[in-house]
Amino acid sequence: MATYGLFVRFTLRDGAAEAFDALMQETTAGIRAHEPGTLVYACHQVEGAPNERIFFELYADRAAFEEHERQPHTRHFLTERSKYVEKTEVDRLHPYAGKYPAEAEK
């Protein structure tokens, strides 16, 4: 399996959660419609931490991630997020074991 993943934690500015979440709804619609190589793009609110968002992203391979980064909806998100985000932490993941969606095993 040659998948490639990211674990991202965003700390949002006070009062920015609603606007950030709306931006994410717009962005994920583009991902669902135009990115077959993006296997999982899951955005989570953190219980007890209203200004935290965690993303788990899983791509078919590094090329699929790079294609994701080139998409207009992703470029828009990357430009706009600075209005809402105070801090970003990114872990790049190289999966080696586990249970993945059926698409990842093709």
PDB file of N, CA and C in Angstrom:
ATOM      1  N   MET A   1       0.844  -1.175   0.000  1.00  0.00           N
ATOM      2  CA  MET A   1       0.000   0.000   0.000  1.00  0.00           C
ATOM      3  C   MET A   1       0.895   1.246   0.000  1.00  0.00           C
ATOM      4  N   ALA A   2       0.704   2.112  -0.966  1.00  0.00           N
ATOM      5  CA  ALA A   2       1.541   3.300  -1.104  1.00  0.00           C
ATOM      6  C   ALA A   2       0.796   4.561  -0.680  1.00  0.00           C
ATOM      7  N   THR A   3      -0.082   4.457   0.295  1.00  0.00           N
ATOM      8  CA  THR A   3      -0.850   5.625   0.709  1.00  0.00           C
ATOM      9  C   THR A   3       0.038   6.657   1.383  1.00  0.00           C
ATOM     10  N   TYR A   4      -0.480   7.877   1.436  1.00  0.00           N
ATOM     11  CA  TYR A   4       0.219   8.997   2.056  1.00  0.00           C
ATOM     12  C   TYR A   4      -0.806   9.754   2.878  1.00  0.00           C
ATOM     13  N   GLY A   5      -0.454  10.154   4.093  1.00  0.00           N
ATOM     14  CA  GLY A   5      -1.431  10.813   4.947  1.00  0.00           C
ATOM     15  C   GLY A   5      -0.895  12.008   5.697  1.00  0.00           C
ATOM     16  N   LEU A   6      -1.829  12.783   6.210  1.00  0.00           N
ATOM     17  CA  LEU A   6      -1.521  13.932   7.053  1.00  0.00           C
ATOM     18  C   LEU A   6      -2.436  13.923   8.265  1.00  0.00           C
ATOM     19  N   PHE A   7      -1.905  14.377   9.372  1.00  0.00           N
ATOM     20  CA  PHE A   7      -2.677  14.652  10.579  1.00  0.00           C
ATOM     21  C   PHE A   7      -2.418  16.127  10.867  1.00  0.00           C
ATOM     22  N   VAL A   8      -3.463  16.943  10.833  1.00  0.00           N
ATOM     23  CA  VAL A   8      -3.303  18.391  10.965  1.00  0.00           C
ATOM     24  C   VAL A   8      -4.162  18.884  12.121  1.00  0.00           C
ATOM     25  N   ARG A   9      -3.568  19.720  12.973  1.00  0.00           N
ATOM     26  CA  ARG A   9      -4.312  20.364  14.053  1.00  0.00           C
ATOM     27  C   ARG A   9      -4.275  21.867  13.813  1.00  0.00           C
ATOM     28  N   PHE A  10      -5.480  22.451  13.734  1.00  0.00           N
ATOM     29  CA  PHE A  10      -5.615  23.895  13.614  1.00  0.00           C
ATOM     30  C   PHE A  10      -6.117  24.448  14.941  1.00  0.00           C
ATOM     31  N   THR A  11      -5.479  25.483  15.430  1.00  0.00           N
ATOM     32  CA  THR A  11      -5.990  26.257  16.553  1.00  0.00           C
ATOM     33  C   THR A  11      -6.559  27.536  15.953  1.00  0.00           C
ATOM     34  N   LEU A  12      -7.851  27.730  16.144  1.00  0.00           N
ATOM     35  CA  LEU A  12      -8.537  28.856  15.522  1.00  0.00           C
ATOM     36  C   LEU A  12      -8.483  30.098  16.398  1.00  0.00           C
ATOM     37  N   ARG A  13      -8.573  31.238  15.745  1.00  0.00           N
ATOM     38  CA  ARG A  13      -8.669  32.513  16.458  1.00  0.00           C
ATOM     39  C   ARG A  13     -10.016  32.564  17.172  1.00  0.00           C
ATOM     40  N   ASP A  14     -10.076  33.263  18.285  1.00  0.00           N
ATOM     41  CA  ASP A  14     -11.345  33.416  19.000  1.00  0.00           C
ATOM     42  C   ASP A  14     -12.392  34.003  18.060  1.00  0.00           C
ATOM     43  N   GLY A  15     -13.566  33.390  18.052  1.00  0.00           N
ATOM     44  CA  GLY A  15     -14.674  33.861  17.241  1.00  0.00           C
ATOM     45  C   GLY A  15     -14.627  33.446  15.781  1.00  0.00           C
ATOM     46  N   ALA A  16     -13.646  32.650  15.385  1.00  0.00           N
ATOM     47  CA  ALA A  16     -13.475  32.295  13.972  1.00  0.00           C
ATOM     48  C   ALA A  16     -14.054  30.933  13.602  1.00  0.00           C
ATOM     49  N   ALA A  17     -14.539  30.172  14.562  1.00  0.00           N
ATOM     50  CA  ALA A  17     -14.941  28.783  14.297  1.00  0.00           C
ATOM     51  C   ALA A  17     -16.036  28.681  13.236  1.00  0.00           C
ATOM     52  N   GLU A  18     -17.063  29.494  13.326  1.00  0.00           N
ATOM     53  CA  GLU A  18     -18.180  29.388  12.385  1.00  0.00           C
ATOM     54  C   GLU A  18     -17.721  29.669  10.953  1.00  0.00           C
ATOM     55  N   ALA A  19     -16.928  30.714  10.767  1.00  0.00           N
ATOM     56  CA  ALA A  19     -16.443  31.052   9.423  1.00  0.00           C
ATOM     57  C   ALA A  19     -15.473  29.985   8.904  1.00  0.00           C
ATOM     58  N   PHE A  20     -14.604  29.472   9.766  1.00  0.00           N
ATOM     59  CA  PHE A  20     -13.680  28.412   9.363  1.00  0.00           C
ATOM     60  C   PHE A  20     -14.458  27.167   8.941  1.00  0.00           C
ATOM     61  N   ASP A  21     -15.452  26.797   9.728  1.00  0.00           N
ATOM     62  CA  ASP A  21     -16.242  25.609   9.414  1.00  0.00           C
ATOM     63  C   ASP A  21     -16.992  25.773   8.090  1.00  0.00           C
ATOM     64  N   ALA A  22     -17.469  26.977   7.802  1.00  0.00           N
ATOM     65  CA  ALA A  22     -18.133  27.228   6.517  1.00  0.00           C
ATOM     66  C   ALA A  22     -17.133  27.086   5.363  1.00  0.00           C
ATOM     67  N   LEU A  23     -15.928  27.596   5.552  1.00  0.00           N
ATOM     68  CA  LEU A  23     -14.879  27.437   4.547  1.00  0.00           C
ATOM     69  C   LEU A  23     -14.580  25.962   4.317  1.00  0.00           C
ATOM     70  N   MET A  24     -14.563  25.184   5.386  1.00  0.00           N
ATOM     71  CA  MET A  24     -14.297  23.745   5.252  1.00  0.00           C
ATOM     72  C   MET A  24     -15.421  23.029   4.510  1.00  0.00           C
ATOM     73  N   GLN A  25     -16.664  23.415   4.755  1.00  0.00           N
ATOM     74  CA  GLN A  25     -17.785  22.794   4.021  1.00  0.00           C
ATOM     75  C   GLN A  25     -17.621  23.034   2.525  1.00  0.00           C
ATOM     76  N   GLU A  26     -17.251  24.250   2.162  1.00  0.00           N
ATOM     77  CA  GLU A  26     -17.022  24.602   0.758  1.00  0.00           C
ATOM     78  C   GLU A  26     -15.854  23.794   0.183  1.00  0.00           C
ATOM     79  N   THR A  27     -14.788  23.700   0.932  1.00  0.00           N
ATOM     80  CA  THR A  27     -13.590  22.994   0.473  1.00  0.00           C
ATOM     81  C   THR A  27     -13.842  21.503   0.319  1.00  0.00           C
ATOM     82  N   THR A  28     -14.497  20.899   1.296  1.00  0.00           N
ATOM     83  CA  THR A  28     -14.723  19.452   1.210  1.00  0.00           C
ATOM     84  C   THR A  28     -15.687  19.090   0.084  1.00  0.00           C
ATOM     85  N   ALA A  29     -16.588  19.997  -0.285  1.00  0.00           N
ATOM     86  CA  ALA A  29     -17.458  19.738  -1.443  1.00  0.00           C
ATOM     87  C   ALA A  29     -16.604  19.604  -2.703  1.00  0.00           C
ATOM     88  N   GLY A  30     -15.601  20.460  -2.862  1.00  0.00           N
ATOM     89  CA  GLY A  30     -14.694  20.365  -4.000  1.00  0.00           C
ATOM     90  C   GLY A  30     -13.864  19.095  -3.967  1.00  0.00           C
ATOM     91  N   ILE A  31     -13.439  18.705  -2.790  1.00  0.00           N
ATOM     92  CA  ILE A  31     -12.645  17.480  -2.644  1.00  0.00           C
ATOM     93  C   ILE A  31     -13.468  16.265  -3.049  1.00  0.00           C
ATOM     94  N   ARG A  32     -14.704  16.183  -2.555  1.00  0.00           N
ATOM     95  CA  ARG A  32     -15.567  15.044  -2.902  1.00  0.00           C
ATOM     96  C   ARG A  32     -15.832  14.985  -4.411  1.00  0.00           C
ATOM     97  N   ALA A  33     -16.011  16.140  -5.036  1.00  0.00           N
ATOM     98  CA  ALA A  33     -16.392  16.189  -6.448  1.00  0.00           C
ATOM     99  C   ALA A  33     -15.215  15.977  -7.408  1.00  0.00           C
ATOM    100  N   HIS A  34     -13.995  16.348  -7.004  1.00  0.00           N
ATOM    101  CA  HIS A  34     -12.907  16.414  -7.973  1.00  0.00           C
ATOM    102  C   HIS A  34     -11.640  15.646  -7.606  1.00  0.00           C
ATOM    103  N   GLU A  35     -11.639  14.892  -6.509  1.00  0.00           N
ATOM    104  CA  GLU A  35     -10.388  14.272  -6.078  1.00  0.00           C
ATOM    105  C   GLU A  35     -10.537  12.771  -5.805  1.00  0.00           C
ATOM    106  N   PRO A  36     -10.535  11.966  -6.851  1.00  0.00           N
ATOM    107  CA  PRO A  36     -10.651  10.518  -6.615  1.00  0.00           C
ATOM    108  C   PRO A  36      -9.469   9.936  -5.843  1.00  0.00           C
ATOM    109  N   GLY A  37      -8.309  10.573  -5.893  1.00  0.00           N
ATOM    110  CA  GLY A  37      -7.136  10.084  -5.174  1.00  0.00           C
ATOM    111  C   GLY A  37      -7.105  10.458  -3.706  1.00  0.00           C
ATOM    112  N   THR A  38      -8.060  11.306  -3.283  1.00  0.00           N
ATOM    113  CA  THR A  38      -8.190  11.628  -1.862  1.00  0.00           C
ATOM    114  C   THR A  38      -9.153  10.610  -1.270  1.00  0.00           C
ATOM    115  N   LEU A  39      -8.613   9.679  -0.513  1.00  0.00           N
ATOM    116  CA  LEU A  39      -9.404   8.559   0.002  1.00  0.00           C
ATOM    117  C   LEU A  39     -10.189   8.941   1.247  1.00  0.00           C
ATOM    118  N   VAL A  40      -9.570   9.719   2.139  1.00  0.00           N
ATOM    119  CA  VAL A  40     -10.221  10.181   3.370  1.00  0.00           C
ATOM    120  C   VAL A  40      -9.782  11.615   3.590  1.00  0.00           C
ATOM    121  N   TYR A  41     -10.762  12.473   3.836  1.00  0.00           N
ATOM    122  CA  TYR A  41     -10.480  13.856   4.217  1.00  0.00           C
ATOM    123  C   TYR A  41     -11.494  14.175   5.306  1.00  0.00           C
ATOM    124  N   ALA A  42     -11.129  13.906   6.524  1.00  0.00           N
ATOM    125  CA  ALA A  42     -12.049  13.982   7.657  1.00  0.00           C
ATOM    126  C   ALA A  42     -11.683  15.146   8.568  1.00  0.00           C
ATOM    127  N   CYS A  43     -12.642  16.039   8.775  1.00  0.00           N
ATOM    128  CA  CYS A  43     -12.461  17.218   9.623  1.00  0.00           C
ATOM    129  C   CYS A  43     -13.236  16.993  10.917  1.00  0.00           C
ATOM    130  N   HIS A  44     -12.590  17.253  12.040  1.00  0.00           N
ATOM    131  CA  HIS A  44     -13.205  16.979  13.331  1.00  0.00           C
ATOM    132  C   HIS A  44     -13.132  18.189  14.250  1.00  0.00           C
ATOM    133  N   GLN A  45     -14.219  18.441  14.964  1.00  0.00           N
ATOM    134  CA  GLN A  45     -14.184  19.368  16.088  1.00  0.00           C
ATOM    135  C   GLN A  45     -13.663  18.571  17.276  1.00  0.00           C
ATOM    136  N   VAL A  46     -13.001  19.243  18.200  1.00  0.00           N
ATOM    137  CA  VAL A  46     -12.421  18.566  19.350  1.00  0.00           C
ATOM    138  C   VAL A  46     -13.301  18.822  20.567  1.00  0.00           C
ATOM    139  N   GLU A  47     -13.783  17.748  21.155  1.00  0.00           N
ATOM    140  CA  GLU A  47     -14.638  17.863  22.338  1.00  0.00           C
ATOM    141  C   GLU A  47     -13.911  18.626  23.441  1.00  0.00           C
ATOM    142  N   GLY A  48     -14.567  19.652  23.972  1.00  0.00           N
ATOM    143  CA  GLY A  48     -13.996  20.428  25.062  1.00  0.00           C
ATOM    144  C   GLY A  48     -12.993  21.482  24.633  1.00  0.00           C
ATOM    145  N   ALA A  49     -12.740  21.597  23.328  1.00  0.00           N
ATOM    146  CA  ALA A  49     -11.785  22.581  22.807  1.00  0.00           C
ATOM    147  C   ALA A  49     -12.417  23.250  21.579  1.00  0.00           C
ATOM    148  N   PRO A  50     -13.289  24.218  21.792  1.00  0.00           N
ATOM    149  CA  PRO A  50     -14.064  24.792  20.680  1.00  0.00           C
ATOM    150  C   PRO A  50     -13.241  25.487  19.602  1.00  0.00           C
ATOM    151  N   ASN A  51     -12.001  25.838  19.888  1.00  0.00           N
ATOM    152  CA  ASN A  51     -11.148  26.484  18.890  1.00  0.00           C
ATOM    153  C   ASN A  51     -10.148  25.534  18.250  1.00  0.00           C
ATOM    154  N   GLU A  52     -10.349  24.234  18.427  1.00  0.00           N
ATOM    155  CA  GLU A  52      -9.455  23.240  17.831  1.00  0.00           C
ATOM    156  C   GLU A  52     -10.193  22.468  16.738  1.00  0.00           C
ATOM    157  N   ARG A  53      -9.481  22.205  15.646  1.00  0.00           N
ATOM    158  CA  ARG A  53      -9.980  21.348  14.579  1.00  0.00           C
ATOM    159  C   ARG A  53      -8.855  20.387  14.219  1.00  0.00           C
ATOM    160  N   ILE A  54      -9.215  19.137  14.019  1.00  0.00           N
ATOM    161  CA  ILE A  54      -8.248  18.112  13.623  1.00  0.00           C
ATOM    162  C   ILE A  54      -8.699  17.528  12.289  1.00  0.00           C
ATOM    163  N   PHE A  55      -7.737  17.395  11.391  1.00  0.00           N
ATOM    164  CA  PHE A  55      -8.002  16.795  10.090  1.00  0.00           C
ATOM    165  C   PHE A  55      -7.181  15.523   9.980  1.00  0.00           C
ATOM    166  N   PHE A  56      -7.800  14.487   9.423  1.00  0.00           N
ATOM    167  CA  PHE A  56      -7.087  13.283   9.025  1.00  0.00           C
ATOM    168  C   PHE A  56      -7.269  13.167   7.527  1.00  0.00           C
ATOM    169  N   GLU A  57      -6.153  13.134   6.808  1.00  0.00           N
ATOM    170  CA  GLU A  57      -6.185  13.083   5.353  1.00  0.00           C
ATOM    171  C   GLU A  57      -5.421  11.852   4.890  1.00  0.00           C
ATOM    172  N   LEU A  58      -6.026  11.094   3.997  1.00  0.00           N
ATOM    173  CA  LEU A  58      -5.375   9.908   3.447  1.00  0.00           C
ATOM    174  C   LEU A  58      -5.518   9.943   1.929  1.00  0.00           C
ATOM    175  N   TYR A  59      -4.395   9.861   1.264  1.00  0.00           N
ATOM    176  CA  TYR A  59      -4.338   9.935  -0.195  1.00  0.00           C
ATOM    177  C   TYR A  59      -3.843   8.612  -0.755  1.00  0.00           C
ATOM    178  N   ALA A  60      -4.234   8.312  -1.991  1.00  0.00           N
ATOM    179  CA  ALA A  60      -3.814   7.062  -2.625  1.00  0.00           C
ATOM    180  C   ALA A  60      -2.294   6.954  -2.677  1.00  0.00           C
ATOM    181  N   ASP A  61      -1.628   8.086  -2.865  1.00  0.00           N
ATOM    182  CA  ASP A  61      -0.170   8.135  -2.900  1.00  0.00           C
ATOM    183  C   ASP A  61       0.263   9.599  -2.839  1.00  0.00           C
ATOM    184  N   ARG A  62       1.547   9.847  -2.858  1.00  0.00           N
ATOM    185  CA  ARG A  62       2.066  11.216  -2.770  1.00  0.00           C
ATOM    186  C   ARG A  62       1.595  12.068  -3.959  1.00  0.00           C
ATOM    187  N   ALA A  63       1.498  11.474  -5.138  1.00  0.00           N
ATOM    188  CA  ALA A  63       1.027  12.199  -6.322  1.00  0.00           C
ATOM    189  C   ALA A  63      -0.411  12.680  -6.133  1.00  0.00           C
ATOM    190  N   ALA A  64      -1.257  11.876  -5.496  1.00  0.00           N
ATOM    191  CA  ALA A  64      -2.640  12.289  -5.231  1.00  0.00           C
ATOM    192  C   ALA A  64      -2.674  13.474  -4.267  1.00  0.00           C
ATOM    193  N   PHE A  65      -1.783  13.465  -3.276  1.00  0.00           N
ATOM    194  CA  PHE A  65      -1.680  14.607  -2.365  1.00  0.00           C
ATOM    195  C   PHE A  65      -1.256  15.863  -3.135  1.00  0.00           C
ATOM    196  N   GLU A  66      -0.259  15.731  -3.995  1.00  0.00           N
ATOM    197  CA  GLU A  66       0.202  16.878  -4.770  1.00  0.00           C
ATOM    198  C   GLU A  66      -0.895  17.396  -5.694  1.00  0.00           C
ATOM    199  N   GLU A  67      -1.706  16.499  -6.254  1.00  0.00           N
ATOM    200  CA  GLU A  67      -2.847  16.915  -7.075  1.00  0.00           C
ATOM    201  C   GLU A  67      -3.875  17.657  -6.212  1.00  0.00           C
ATOM    202  N   HIS A  68      -4.113  17.181  -5.009  1.00  0.00           N
ATOM    203  CA  HIS A  68      -5.004  17.861  -4.061  1.00  0.00           C
ATOM    204  C   HIS A  68      -4.529  19.292  -3.817  1.00  0.00           C
ATOM    205  N   GLU A  69      -3.245  19.461  -3.619  1.00  0.00           N
ATOM    206  CA  GLU A  69      -2.677  20.783  -3.341  1.00  0.00           C
ATOM    207  C   GLU A  69      -2.830  21.740  -4.527  1.00  0.00           C
ATOM    208  N   ARG A  70      -2.939  21.215  -5.741  1.00  0.00           N
ATOM    209  CA  ARG A  70      -3.083  22.059  -6.942  1.00  0.00           C
ATOM    210  C   ARG A  70      -4.524  22.466  -7.231  1.00  0.00           C
ATOM    211  N   GLN A  71      -5.484  21.837  -6.605  1.00  0.00           N
ATOM    212  CA  GLN A  71      -6.893  22.094  -6.905  1.00  0.00           C
ATOM    213  C   GLN A  71      -7.310  23.517  -6.513  1.00  0.00           C
ATOM    214  N   PRO A  72      -8.178  24.160  -7.312  1.00  0.00           N
ATOM    215  CA  PRO A  72      -8.625  25.518  -6.989  1.00  0.00           C
ATOM    216  C   PRO A  72      -9.283  25.631  -5.607  1.00  0.00           C
ATOM    217  N   HIS A  73     -10.087  24.646  -5.222  1.00  0.00           N
ATOM    218  CA  HIS A  73     -10.744  24.712  -3.910  1.00  0.00           C
ATOM    219  C   HIS A  73      -9.719  24.610  -2.781  1.00  0.00           C
ATOM    220  N   THR A  74      -8.655  23.828  -2.969  1.00  0.00           N
ATOM    221  CA  THR A  74      -7.602  23.725  -1.958  1.00  0.00           C
ATOM    222  C   THR A  74      -6.792  25.015  -1.909  1.00  0.00           C
ATOM    223  N   ARG A  75      -6.449  25.567  -3.066  1.00  0.00           N
ATOM    224  CA  ARG A  75      -5.696  26.827  -3.106  1.00  0.00           C
ATOM    225  C   ARG A  75      -6.495  27.934  -2.396  1.00  0.00           C
ATOM    226  N   HIS A  76      -7.804  27.949  -2.631  1.00  0.00           N
ATOM    227  CA  HIS A  76      -8.668  28.938  -1.974  1.00  0.00           C
ATOM    228  C   HIS A  76      -8.625  28.755  -0.457  1.00  0.00           C
ATOM    229  N   PHE A  77      -8.740  27.516   0.007  1.00  0.00           N
ATOM    230  CA  PHE A  77      -8.671  27.242   1.441  1.00  0.00           C
ATOM    231  C   PHE A  77      -7.339  27.704   2.023  1.00  0.00           C
ATOM    232  N   LEU A  78      -6.245  27.365   1.354  1.00  0.00           N
ATOM    233  CA  LEU A  78      -4.921  27.715   1.873  1.00  0.00           C
ATOM    234  C   LEU A  78      -4.738  29.236   1.960  1.00  0.00           C
ATOM    235  N   THR A  79      -5.323  29.969   1.044  1.00  0.00           N
ATOM    236  CA  THR A  79      -5.252  31.435   1.068  1.00  0.00           C
ATOM    237  C   THR A  79      -6.129  32.019   2.174  1.00  0.00           C
ATOM    238  N   GLU A  80      -7.335  31.506   2.298  1.00  0.00           N
ATOM    239  CA  GLU A  80      -8.320  32.069   3.221  1.00  0.00           C
ATOM    240  C   GLU A  80      -8.121  31.671   4.679  1.00  0.00           C
ATOM    241  N   ARG A  81      -7.515  30.527   4.932  1.00  0.00           N
ATOM    242  CA  ARG A  81      -7.454  30.015   6.305  1.00  0.00           C
ATOM    243  C   ARG A  81      -6.713  30.936   7.263  1.00  0.00           C
ATOM    244  N   SER A  82      -5.774  31.725   6.762  1.00  0.00           N
ATOM    245  CA  SER A  82      -4.998  32.598   7.663  1.00  0.00           C
ATOM    246  C   SER A  82      -5.881  33.607   8.389  1.00  0.00           C
ATOM    247  N   LYS A  83      -7.063  33.894   7.845  1.00  0.00           N
ATOM    248  CA  LYS A  83      -8.001  34.798   8.518  1.00  0.00           C
ATOM    249  C   LYS A  83      -8.538  34.179   9.810  1.00  0.00           C
ATOM    250  N   TYR A  84      -8.561  32.861   9.877  1.00  0.00           N
ATOM    251  CA  TYR A  84      -9.238  32.144  10.956  1.00  0.00           C
ATOM    252  C   TYR A  84      -8.311  31.348  11.864  1.00  0.00           C
ATOM    253  N   VAL A  85      -7.110  31.043  11.382  1.00  0.00           N
ATOM    254  CA  VAL A  85      -6.223  30.117  12.083  1.00  0.00           C
ATOM    255  C   VAL A  85      -5.097  30.862  12.792  1.00  0.00           C
ATOM    256  N   GLU A  86      -4.933  30.534  14.066  1.00  0.00           N
ATOM    257  CA  GLU A  86      -3.857  31.100  14.873  1.00  0.00           C
ATOM    258  C   GLU A  86      -2.588  30.243  14.790  1.00  0.00           C
ATOM    259  N   LYS A  87      -2.785  28.913  14.736  1.00  0.00           N
ATOM    260  CA  LYS A  87      -1.645  27.993  14.761  1.00  0.00           C
ATOM    261  C   LYS A  87      -1.993  26.739  13.967  1.00  0.00           C
ATOM    262  N   THR A  88      -1.002  26.222  13.231  1.00  0.00           N
ATOM    263  CA  THR A  88      -1.174  24.992  12.459  1.00  0.00           C
ATOM    264  C   THR A  88      -0.048  24.031  12.800  1.00  0.00           C
ATOM    265  N   GLU A  89      -0.402  22.781  13.087  1.00  0.00           N
ATOM    266  CA  GLU A  89       0.583  21.717  13.332  1.00  0.00           C
ATOM    267  C   GLU A  89       0.290  20.591  12.345  1.00  0.00           C
ATOM    268  N   VAL A  90       1.315  20.150  11.613  1.00  0.00           N
ATOM    269  CA  VAL A  90       1.140  19.121  10.587  1.00  0.00           C
ATOM    270  C   VAL A  90       2.091  17.963  10.846  1.00  0.00           C
ATOM    271  N   ASP A  91       1.541  16.764  10.867  1.00  0.00           N
ATOM    272  CA  ASP A  91       2.341  15.538  10.894  1.00  0.00           C
ATOM    273  C   ASP A  91       2.111  14.831   9.569  1.00  0.00           C
ATOM    274  N   ARG A  92       3.179  14.518   8.863  1.00  0.00           N
ATOM    275  CA  ARG A  92       3.096  13.760   7.616  1.00  0.00           C
ATOM    276  C   ARG A  92       3.190  12.281   7.977  1.00  0.00           C
ATOM    277  N   LEU A  93       2.255  11.499   7.463  1.00  0.00           N
ATOM    278  CA  LEU A  93       2.116  10.103   7.863  1.00  0.00           C
ATOM    279  C   LEU A  93       2.452   9.159   6.717  1.00  0.00           C
ATOM    280  N   HIS A  94       3.095   8.072   7.046  1.00  0.00           N
ATOM    281  CA  HIS A  94       3.398   7.023   6.088  1.00  0.00           C
ATOM    282  C   HIS A  94       2.814   5.722   6.652  1.00  0.00           C
ATOM    283  N   PRO A  95       1.533   5.445   6.352  1.00  0.00           N
ATOM    284  CA  PRO A  95       0.874   4.272   6.912  1.00  0.00           C
ATOM    285  C   PRO A  95       1.602   2.973   6.560  1.00  0.00           C
ATOM    286  N   TYR A  96       1.621   2.066   7.516  1.00  0.00           N
ATOM    287  CA  TYR A  96       2.262   0.771   7.264  1.00  0.00           C
ATOM    288  C   TYR A  96       1.402  -0.404   7.708  1.00  0.00           C
ATOM    289  N   ALA A  97       0.376  -0.161   8.516  1.00  0.00           N
ATOM    290  CA  ALA A  97      -0.507  -1.247   8.940  1.00  0.00           C
ATOM    291  C   ALA A  97      -1.836  -0.653   9.346  1.00  0.00           C
ATOM    292  N   GLY A  98      -2.882  -1.435   9.260  1.00  0.00           N
ATOM    293  CA  GLY A  98      -4.184  -0.956   9.714  1.00  0.00           C
ATOM    294  C   GLY A  98      -5.302  -1.387   8.790  1.00  0.00           C
ATOM    295  N   LYS A  99      -6.454  -0.785   9.004  1.00  0.00           N
ATOM    296  CA  LYS A  99      -7.636  -1.040   8.182  1.00  0.00           C
ATOM    297  C   LYS A  99      -7.961   0.243   7.446  1.00  0.00           C
ATOM    298  N   TYR A 100      -8.056   0.165   6.133  1.00  0.00           N
ATOM    299  CA  TYR A 100      -8.267   1.334   5.297  1.00  0.00           C
ATOM    300  C   TYR A 100      -9.483   1.128   4.413  1.00  0.00           C
ATOM    301  N   PRO A 101     -10.023   2.209   3.866  1.00  0.00           N
ATOM    302  CA  PRO A 101     -11.147   2.062   2.930  1.00  0.00           C
ATOM    303  C   PRO A 101     -10.782   1.153   1.770  1.00  0.00           C
ATOM    304  N   ALA A 102     -11.770   0.497   1.212  1.00  0.00           N
ATOM    305  CA  ALA A 102     -11.536  -0.449   0.120  1.00  0.00           C
ATOM    306  C   ALA A 102     -10.782   0.196  -1.041  1.00  0.00           C
ATOM    307  N   GLU A 103     -11.035   1.490  -1.313  1.00  0.00           N
ATOM    308  CA  GLU A 103     -10.361   2.165  -2.419  1.00  0.00           C
ATOM    309  C   GLU A 103      -8.841   2.189  -2.217  1.00  0.00           C
ATOM    310  N   ALA A 104      -8.394   2.251  -0.984  1.00  0.00           N
ATOM    311  CA  ALA A 104      -6.955   2.326  -0.703  1.00  0.00           C
ATOM    312  C   ALA A 104      -6.239   1.014  -1.012  1.00  0.00           C
ATOM    313  N   GLU A 105      -6.972  -0.066  -1.079  1.00  0.00           N
ATOM    314  CA  GLU A 105      -6.351  -1.370  -1.288  1.00  0.00           C
ATOM    315  C   GLU A 105      -6.282  -1.776  -2.749  1.00  0.00           C
ATOM    316  N   LYS A 106      -6.768  -0.929  -3.644  1.00  0.00           N
ATOM    317  CA  LYS A 106      -6.743  -1.243  -5.083  1.00  0.00           C
ATOM    318  C   LYS A 106      -5.391  -0.969  -5.671  1.00  0.00           C
TER     319      LYS A 106
END
